[in-house]
Amino acid sequence: MLDQFGYYQKGPDANAALEGLAGIGHAASISTLEELVSSSNVGVRTLAIEGLARANARDALPMLQQAGQTERSAGVLLALQYATLKLGAPGSTPDHIVAALRNEALKPAAIRYLLDLAPAMAPTLARWLSDQDPEICRLIADI
């Protein structure tokens, strides 16, 4: 995948390779993913952040937190929330990801992130089972 991404660099084939790299989250892709966090393309930034989280790139956490200070895209900010949780940043909570379940545009990503985080955070997520919004309760129960 890394070779494919390096070969194509742009376009649908490069995006497919990057999606694969982000999904696998292998340590060999960390340096490439770190470079892509500053991409001008929102989708590329999102996938790079997701990949760093899945690669357990704890050393990238300060860079990710810094990127979050200037980020404007709600989708990228959600990916940053996921990464801080996945990488174990002190004081990070799933509040923003759960809140994103109320936004139809962000809901699919929020569900993916919560599904990934749920095994380690089930007791924390359980508090939303009594949310005033029955849809949030249902989604959290499903997750």
N, C-alpha and C. Protein backbone atom coordinates (compact mmCIF):
# COMPACT_ATOMS: atom_id res chain seq x y z
N MET A 1 0.82 -1.20 0.00
CA MET A 1 0.00 0.00 0.00
C MET A 1 0.87 1.26 0.00
N LEU A 2 1.91 1.24 0.81
CA LEU A 2 2.79 2.39 0.89
C LEU A 2 3.42 2.66 -0.47
N ASP A 3 3.84 1.60 -1.15
CA ASP A 3 4.43 1.75 -2.48
C ASP A 3 3.40 2.27 -3.48
N GLN A 4 2.17 1.77 -3.38
CA GLN A 4 1.11 2.24 -4.28
C GLN A 4 0.84 3.72 -4.05
N PHE A 5 0.76 4.12 -2.79
CA PHE A 5 0.51 5.53 -2.51
C PHE A 5 1.66 6.38 -3.05
N GLY A 6 2.89 5.94 -2.83
CA GLY A 6 4.05 6.67 -3.32
C GLY A 6 4.07 6.77 -4.84
N TYR A 7 3.61 5.73 -5.50
CA TYR A 7 3.60 5.71 -6.95
C TYR A 7 2.53 6.65 -7.51
N TYR A 8 1.31 6.54 -6.99
CA TYR A 8 0.20 7.33 -7.55
C TYR A 8 0.18 8.76 -7.03
N GLN A 9 0.42 8.99 -5.78
CA GLN A 9 0.49 10.28 -5.10
C GLN A 9 -0.78 11.13 -5.18
N LYS A 10 -1.51 11.09 -6.27
CA LYS A 10 -2.74 11.87 -6.40
C LYS A 10 -3.76 11.07 -7.16
N GLY A 11 -5.02 11.45 -6.98
CA GLY A 11 -6.09 10.81 -7.72
C GLY A 11 -6.73 9.67 -6.97
N PRO A 12 -7.68 9.00 -7.61
CA PRO A 12 -8.45 7.95 -6.94
C PRO A 12 -7.60 6.76 -6.47
N ASP A 13 -6.58 6.39 -7.26
CA ASP A 13 -5.73 5.27 -6.85
C ASP A 13 -4.91 5.62 -5.61
N ALA A 14 -4.42 6.84 -5.55
CA ALA A 14 -3.67 7.29 -4.38
C ALA A 14 -4.60 7.35 -3.16
N ASN A 15 -5.82 7.84 -3.36
CA ASN A 15 -6.78 7.90 -2.26
C ASN A 15 -7.11 6.50 -1.73
N ALA A 16 -7.27 5.55 -2.65
CA ALA A 16 -7.56 4.18 -2.23
C ALA A 16 -6.38 3.59 -1.46
N ALA A 17 -5.18 3.85 -1.91
CA ALA A 17 -3.99 3.36 -1.20
C ALA A 17 -3.88 4.01 0.17
N LEU A 18 -4.15 5.31 0.25
CA LEU A 18 -4.09 6.01 1.53
C LEU A 18 -5.16 5.48 2.48
N GLU A 19 -6.34 5.21 1.96
CA GLU A 19 -7.40 4.64 2.80
C GLU A 19 -6.97 3.29 3.36
N GLY A 20 -6.31 2.50 2.53
CA GLY A 20 -5.78 1.22 2.99
C GLY A 20 -4.72 1.39 4.05
N LEU A 21 -3.79 2.33 3.83
CA LEU A 21 -2.74 2.60 4.83
C LEU A 21 -3.35 3.05 6.16
N ALA A 22 -4.33 3.93 6.09
CA ALA A 22 -4.96 4.44 7.30
C ALA A 22 -5.71 3.33 8.03
N GLY A 23 -6.35 2.45 7.28
CA GLY A 23 -7.10 1.37 7.89
C GLY A 23 -6.22 0.33 8.54
N ILE A 24 -5.08 0.05 7.91
CA ILE A 24 -4.15 -0.93 8.45
C ILE A 24 -3.41 -0.36 9.66
N GLY A 25 -2.98 0.88 9.56
CA GLY A 25 -2.29 1.52 10.67
C GLY A 25 -0.97 0.85 11.04
N HIS A 26 -0.17 0.53 10.05
CA HIS A 26 1.12 -0.13 10.31
C HIS A 26 2.19 0.93 10.63
N ALA A 27 3.11 0.56 11.50
CA ALA A 27 4.16 1.48 11.92
C ALA A 27 5.02 1.96 10.75
N ALA A 28 5.15 1.17 9.70
CA ALA A 28 5.96 1.56 8.55
C ALA A 28 5.39 2.78 7.83
N SER A 29 4.13 3.07 8.02
CA SER A 29 3.50 4.19 7.31
C SER A 29 3.48 5.48 8.14
N ILE A 30 3.98 5.44 9.36
CA ILE A 30 3.87 6.60 10.25
C ILE A 30 4.49 7.85 9.66
N SER A 31 5.69 7.78 9.13
CA SER A 31 6.34 9.01 8.62
C SER A 31 5.55 9.59 7.44
N THR A 32 5.04 8.73 6.57
CA THR A 32 4.22 9.21 5.44
C THR A 32 2.95 9.87 5.95
N LEU A 33 2.30 9.23 6.92
CA LEU A 33 1.06 9.78 7.46
C LEU A 33 1.31 11.11 8.18
N GLU A 34 2.42 11.21 8.88
CA GLU A 34 2.74 12.47 9.57
C GLU A 34 2.88 13.62 8.57
N GLU A 35 3.51 13.36 7.43
CA GLU A 35 3.65 14.39 6.40
C GLU A 35 2.29 14.83 5.86
N LEU A 36 1.35 13.89 5.78
CA LEU A 36 0.05 14.17 5.17
C LEU A 36 -0.91 14.91 6.10
N VAL A 37 -0.59 15.00 7.39
CA VAL A 37 -1.46 15.72 8.33
C VAL A 37 -1.59 17.19 7.94
N SER A 38 -0.59 17.73 7.25
CA SER A 38 -0.64 19.14 6.85
C SER A 38 -1.10 19.33 5.40
N SER A 39 -1.65 18.28 4.80
CA SER A 39 -2.14 18.37 3.42
C SER A 39 -3.24 19.43 3.30
N SER A 40 -3.37 20.00 2.12
CA SER A 40 -4.45 20.96 1.88
C SER A 40 -5.79 20.25 1.66
N ASN A 41 -5.75 18.95 1.44
CA ASN A 41 -6.95 18.15 1.17
C ASN A 41 -7.53 17.62 2.50
N VAL A 42 -8.78 17.97 2.78
CA VAL A 42 -9.44 17.57 4.03
C VAL A 42 -9.49 16.04 4.17
N GLY A 43 -9.83 15.36 3.10
CA GLY A 43 -9.92 13.90 3.15
C GLY A 43 -8.58 13.25 3.45
N VAL A 44 -7.53 13.79 2.87
CA VAL A 44 -6.18 13.27 3.11
C VAL A 44 -5.79 13.50 4.57
N ARG A 45 -6.06 14.71 5.08
CA ARG A 45 -5.75 15.00 6.49
C ARG A 45 -6.48 14.04 7.41
N THR A 46 -7.76 13.82 7.13
CA THR A 46 -8.57 12.93 7.96
C THR A 46 -7.99 11.52 7.97
N LEU A 47 -7.69 10.99 6.80
CA LEU A 47 -7.15 9.63 6.71
C LEU A 47 -5.78 9.54 7.38
N ALA A 48 -4.95 10.56 7.22
CA ALA A 48 -3.63 10.54 7.85
C ALA A 48 -3.75 10.49 9.37
N ILE A 49 -4.66 11.26 9.92
CA ILE A 49 -4.87 11.28 11.37
C ILE A 49 -5.39 9.93 11.85
N GLU A 50 -6.37 9.39 11.13
CA GLU A 50 -6.90 8.08 11.49
C GLU A 50 -5.79 7.02 11.45
N GLY A 51 -4.96 7.07 10.43
CA GLY A 51 -3.88 6.11 10.30
C GLY A 51 -2.88 6.21 11.43
N LEU A 52 -2.55 7.42 11.83
CA LEU A 52 -1.62 7.60 12.95
C LEU A 52 -2.21 7.04 14.23
N ALA A 53 -3.51 7.23 14.41
CA ALA A 53 -4.16 6.69 15.61
C ALA A 53 -4.11 5.16 15.59
N ARG A 54 -4.43 4.57 14.46
CA ARG A 54 -4.44 3.10 14.36
C ARG A 54 -3.03 2.51 14.42
N ALA A 55 -2.03 3.30 14.03
CA ALA A 55 -0.64 2.84 14.09
C ALA A 55 -0.06 3.03 15.49
N ASN A 56 -0.88 3.55 16.40
CA ASN A 56 -0.45 3.78 17.79
C ASN A 56 0.76 4.71 17.84
N ALA A 57 0.74 5.75 17.01
CA ALA A 57 1.84 6.70 16.90
C ALA A 57 1.77 7.75 18.00
N ARG A 58 2.04 7.32 19.23
CA ARG A 58 1.95 8.24 20.38
C ARG A 58 2.91 9.43 20.26
N ASP A 59 4.03 9.22 19.58
CA ASP A 59 4.98 10.32 19.40
C ASP A 59 4.39 11.45 18.53
N ALA A 60 3.38 11.14 17.75
CA ALA A 60 2.75 12.14 16.89
C ALA A 60 1.70 12.96 17.63
N LEU A 61 1.39 12.59 18.86
CA LEU A 61 0.32 13.26 19.60
C LEU A 61 0.53 14.77 19.73
N PRO A 62 1.72 15.27 20.10
CA PRO A 62 1.88 16.73 20.17
C PRO A 62 1.62 17.41 18.82
N MET A 63 2.08 16.80 17.72
CA MET A 63 1.85 17.37 16.40
C MET A 63 0.35 17.40 16.09
N LEU A 64 -0.35 16.33 16.45
CA LEU A 64 -1.79 16.28 16.20
C LEU A 64 -2.53 17.32 17.03
N GLN A 65 -2.13 17.48 18.27
CA GLN A 65 -2.77 18.48 19.12
C GLN A 65 -2.51 19.88 18.59
N GLN A 66 -1.34 20.12 18.07
CA GLN A 66 -1.02 21.42 17.48
C GLN A 66 -1.85 21.64 16.22
N ALA A 67 -2.00 20.61 15.41
CA ALA A 67 -2.81 20.72 14.19
C ALA A 67 -4.25 21.07 14.53
N GLY A 68 -4.74 20.57 15.64
CA GLY A 68 -6.11 20.85 16.05
C GLY A 68 -6.37 22.29 16.41
N GLN A 69 -5.32 23.01 16.73
CA GLN A 69 -5.49 24.42 17.13
C GLN A 69 -5.83 25.32 15.95
N THR A 70 -5.47 24.91 14.74
CA THR A 70 -5.75 25.75 13.58
C THR A 70 -6.74 25.10 12.61
N GLU A 71 -7.14 23.87 12.90
CA GLU A 71 -8.04 23.14 11.99
C GLU A 71 -9.44 23.73 12.01
N ARG A 72 -10.05 23.81 10.82
CA ARG A 72 -11.41 24.35 10.69
C ARG A 72 -12.42 23.30 10.25
N SER A 73 -11.97 22.22 9.69
CA SER A 73 -12.88 21.19 9.18
C SER A 73 -13.43 20.36 10.35
N ALA A 74 -14.75 20.27 10.42
CA ALA A 74 -15.39 19.49 11.49
C ALA A 74 -15.01 18.02 11.40
N GLY A 75 -14.88 17.49 10.20
CA GLY A 75 -14.51 16.09 10.02
C GLY A 75 -13.09 15.81 10.49
N VAL A 76 -12.19 16.72 10.19
CA VAL A 76 -10.80 16.55 10.63
C VAL A 76 -10.71 16.72 12.14
N LEU A 77 -11.45 17.67 12.68
CA LEU A 77 -11.46 17.85 14.14
C LEU A 77 -12.00 16.59 14.84
N LEU A 78 -12.99 15.96 14.24
CA LEU A 78 -13.52 14.71 14.80
C LEU A 78 -12.45 13.62 14.75
N ALA A 79 -11.74 13.53 13.64
CA ALA A 79 -10.64 12.56 13.54
C ALA A 79 -9.57 12.84 14.59
N LEU A 80 -9.30 14.10 14.85
CA LEU A 80 -8.33 14.46 15.88
C LEU A 80 -8.81 14.03 17.27
N GLN A 81 -10.12 14.17 17.53
CA GLN A 81 -10.67 13.71 18.80
C GLN A 81 -10.49 12.20 18.93
N TYR A 82 -10.77 11.49 17.86
CA TYR A 82 -10.59 10.04 17.84
C TYR A 82 -9.13 9.69 18.13
N ALA A 83 -8.21 10.38 17.46
CA ALA A 83 -6.79 10.08 17.63
C ALA A 83 -6.33 10.34 19.06
N THR A 84 -6.78 11.44 19.66
CA THR A 84 -6.34 11.72 21.03
C THR A 84 -6.84 10.65 21.99
N LEU A 85 -8.05 10.17 21.77
CA LEU A 85 -8.57 9.07 22.60
C LEU A 85 -7.82 7.78 22.35
N LYS A 86 -7.64 7.45 21.09
CA LYS A 86 -6.97 6.20 20.72
C LYS A 86 -5.52 6.17 21.21
N LEU A 87 -4.87 7.33 21.19
CA LEU A 87 -3.47 7.41 21.60
C LEU A 87 -3.31 7.68 23.09
N GLY A 88 -4.43 7.81 23.80
CA GLY A 88 -4.37 7.93 25.25
C GLY A 88 -3.92 9.28 25.77
N ALA A 89 -4.30 10.36 25.09
CA ALA A 89 -3.95 11.70 25.57
C ALA A 89 -4.61 11.95 26.91
N PRO A 90 -3.86 12.47 27.86
CA PRO A 90 -4.44 12.74 29.18
C PRO A 90 -5.64 13.71 29.07
N GLY A 91 -6.69 13.39 29.78
CA GLY A 91 -7.86 14.25 29.81
C GLY A 91 -8.79 14.13 28.62
N SER A 92 -8.49 13.27 27.69
CA SER A 92 -9.37 13.15 26.52
C SER A 92 -10.60 12.32 26.87
N THR A 93 -11.73 12.75 26.34
CA THR A 93 -13.00 12.07 26.58
C THR A 93 -13.73 11.88 25.25
N PRO A 94 -14.67 10.97 25.19
CA PRO A 94 -15.42 10.76 23.94
C PRO A 94 -16.58 11.74 23.75
N ASP A 95 -16.69 12.76 24.57
CA ASP A 95 -17.83 13.68 24.51
C ASP A 95 -18.07 14.25 23.10
N HIS A 96 -17.02 14.73 22.45
CA HIS A 96 -17.19 15.34 21.13
C HIS A 96 -17.59 14.32 20.07
N ILE A 97 -17.08 13.11 20.21
CA ILE A 97 -17.44 12.08 19.24
C ILE A 97 -18.89 11.67 19.42
N VAL A 98 -19.33 11.52 20.66
CA VAL A 98 -20.74 11.20 20.92
C VAL A 98 -21.63 12.36 20.44
N ALA A 99 -21.21 13.59 20.68
CA ALA A 99 -21.99 14.74 20.22
C ALA A 99 -22.10 14.75 18.70
N ALA A 100 -21.08 14.25 18.00
CA ALA A 100 -21.11 14.21 16.53
C ALA A 100 -22.17 13.26 16.00
N LEU A 101 -22.68 12.37 16.86
CA LEU A 101 -23.77 11.48 16.43
C LEU A 101 -25.04 12.27 16.11
N ARG A 102 -25.15 13.48 16.60
CA ARG A 102 -26.31 14.34 16.35
C ARG A 102 -26.21 15.06 15.00
N ASN A 103 -25.03 15.01 14.37
CA ASN A 103 -24.79 15.69 13.10
C ASN A 103 -24.79 14.65 11.99
N GLU A 104 -25.76 14.73 11.10
CA GLU A 104 -25.90 13.71 10.05
C GLU A 104 -24.65 13.57 9.19
N ALA A 105 -23.95 14.67 8.95
CA ALA A 105 -22.75 14.60 8.12
C ALA A 105 -21.60 13.89 8.84
N LEU A 106 -21.53 14.04 10.16
CA LEU A 106 -20.44 13.46 10.94
C LEU A 106 -20.78 12.09 11.53
N LYS A 107 -22.06 11.75 11.54
CA LYS A 107 -22.51 10.52 12.21
C LYS A 107 -21.79 9.26 11.74
N PRO A 108 -21.62 9.02 10.42
CA PRO A 108 -20.94 7.78 10.02
C PRO A 108 -19.51 7.66 10.58
N ALA A 109 -18.77 8.75 10.55
CA ALA A 109 -17.41 8.72 11.09
C ALA A 109 -17.44 8.53 12.60
N ALA A 110 -18.35 9.21 13.27
CA ALA A 110 -18.45 9.08 14.72
C ALA A 110 -18.76 7.64 15.12
N ILE A 111 -19.64 7.00 14.39
CA ILE A 111 -19.97 5.60 14.67
C ILE A 111 -18.74 4.71 14.47
N ARG A 112 -18.01 4.91 13.37
CA ARG A 112 -16.78 4.12 13.13
C ARG A 112 -15.79 4.31 14.26
N TYR A 113 -15.59 5.56 14.67
CA TYR A 113 -14.63 5.83 15.73
C TYR A 113 -15.06 5.20 17.05
N LEU A 114 -16.34 5.33 17.38
CA LEU A 114 -16.83 4.76 18.64
C LEU A 114 -16.77 3.24 18.62
N LEU A 115 -17.05 2.63 17.47
CA LEU A 115 -16.93 1.17 17.38
C LEU A 115 -15.49 0.73 17.64
N ASP A 116 -14.55 1.49 17.14
CA ASP A 116 -13.15 1.15 17.35
C ASP A 116 -12.73 1.36 18.81
N LEU A 117 -13.25 2.40 19.43
CA LEU A 117 -12.88 2.75 20.80
C LEU A 117 -13.66 1.98 21.86
N ALA A 118 -14.82 1.47 21.50
CA ALA A 118 -15.75 0.87 22.48
C ALA A 118 -15.14 -0.23 23.35
N PRO A 119 -14.38 -1.15 22.81
CA PRO A 119 -13.87 -2.22 23.69
C PRO A 119 -13.09 -1.68 24.90
N ALA A 120 -12.37 -0.60 24.71
CA ALA A 120 -11.58 -0.03 25.81
C ALA A 120 -12.37 0.99 26.61
N MET A 121 -13.51 1.45 26.09
CA MET A 121 -14.23 2.55 26.74
C MET A 121 -15.68 2.23 27.07
N ALA A 122 -16.06 0.98 27.07
CA ALA A 122 -17.46 0.62 27.29
C ALA A 122 -18.05 1.26 28.54
N PRO A 123 -17.39 1.19 29.70
CA PRO A 123 -17.99 1.82 30.89
C PRO A 123 -18.17 3.34 30.73
N THR A 124 -17.23 3.98 30.05
CA THR A 124 -17.34 5.42 29.84
C THR A 124 -18.50 5.74 28.90
N LEU A 125 -18.66 4.94 27.86
CA LEU A 125 -19.74 5.18 26.90
C LEU A 125 -21.12 4.87 27.49
N ALA A 126 -21.15 4.00 28.46
CA ALA A 126 -22.43 3.59 29.06
C ALA A 126 -23.22 4.75 29.64
N ARG A 127 -22.56 5.81 30.01
CA ARG A 127 -23.30 6.95 30.60
C ARG A 127 -24.27 7.59 29.61
N TRP A 128 -24.01 7.41 28.31
CA TRP A 128 -24.91 7.97 27.29
C TRP A 128 -26.12 7.08 27.04
N LEU A 129 -26.20 5.96 27.71
CA LEU A 129 -27.38 5.11 27.56
C LEU A 129 -28.61 5.74 28.20
N SER A 130 -28.39 6.75 29.00
CA SER A 130 -29.51 7.46 29.62
C SER A 130 -29.63 8.89 29.08
N ASP A 131 -29.11 9.13 27.90
CA ASP A 131 -29.19 10.44 27.27
C ASP A 131 -30.66 10.79 27.00
N GLN A 132 -30.96 12.07 26.97
CA GLN A 132 -32.33 12.52 26.70
C GLN A 132 -32.76 12.21 25.27
N ASP A 133 -31.80 12.09 24.37
CA ASP A 133 -32.09 11.81 22.97
C ASP A 133 -32.15 10.29 22.77
N PRO A 134 -33.32 9.73 22.46
CA PRO A 134 -33.43 8.28 22.30
C PRO A 134 -32.54 7.72 21.17
N GLU A 135 -32.29 8.54 20.17
CA GLU A 135 -31.42 8.10 19.07
C GLU A 135 -29.98 7.89 19.56
N ILE A 136 -29.51 8.78 20.42
CA ILE A 136 -28.16 8.62 21.00
C ILE A 136 -28.12 7.35 21.85
N CYS A 137 -29.14 7.14 22.65
CA CYS A 137 -29.21 5.93 23.48
C CYS A 137 -29.16 4.68 22.61
N ARG A 138 -29.92 4.69 21.53
CA ARG A 138 -29.95 3.54 20.64
C ARG A 138 -28.60 3.29 19.98
N LEU A 139 -28.01 4.36 19.49
CA LEU A 139 -26.71 4.23 18.82
C LEU A 139 -25.63 3.71 19.79
N ILE A 140 -25.60 4.26 20.98
CA ILE A 140 -24.60 3.83 21.97
C ILE A 140 -24.85 2.37 22.36
N ALA A 141 -26.12 1.99 22.51
CA ALA A 141 -26.43 0.59 22.82
C ALA A 141 -25.96 -0.33 21.69
N ASP A 142 -26.18 0.09 20.45
CA ASP A 142 -25.72 -0.70 19.31
C ASP A 142 -24.20 -0.80 19.28
N ILE A 143 -23.55 0.29 19.57
CA ILE A 143 -22.08 0.32 19.57
C ILE A 143 -21.55 -0.57 20.67
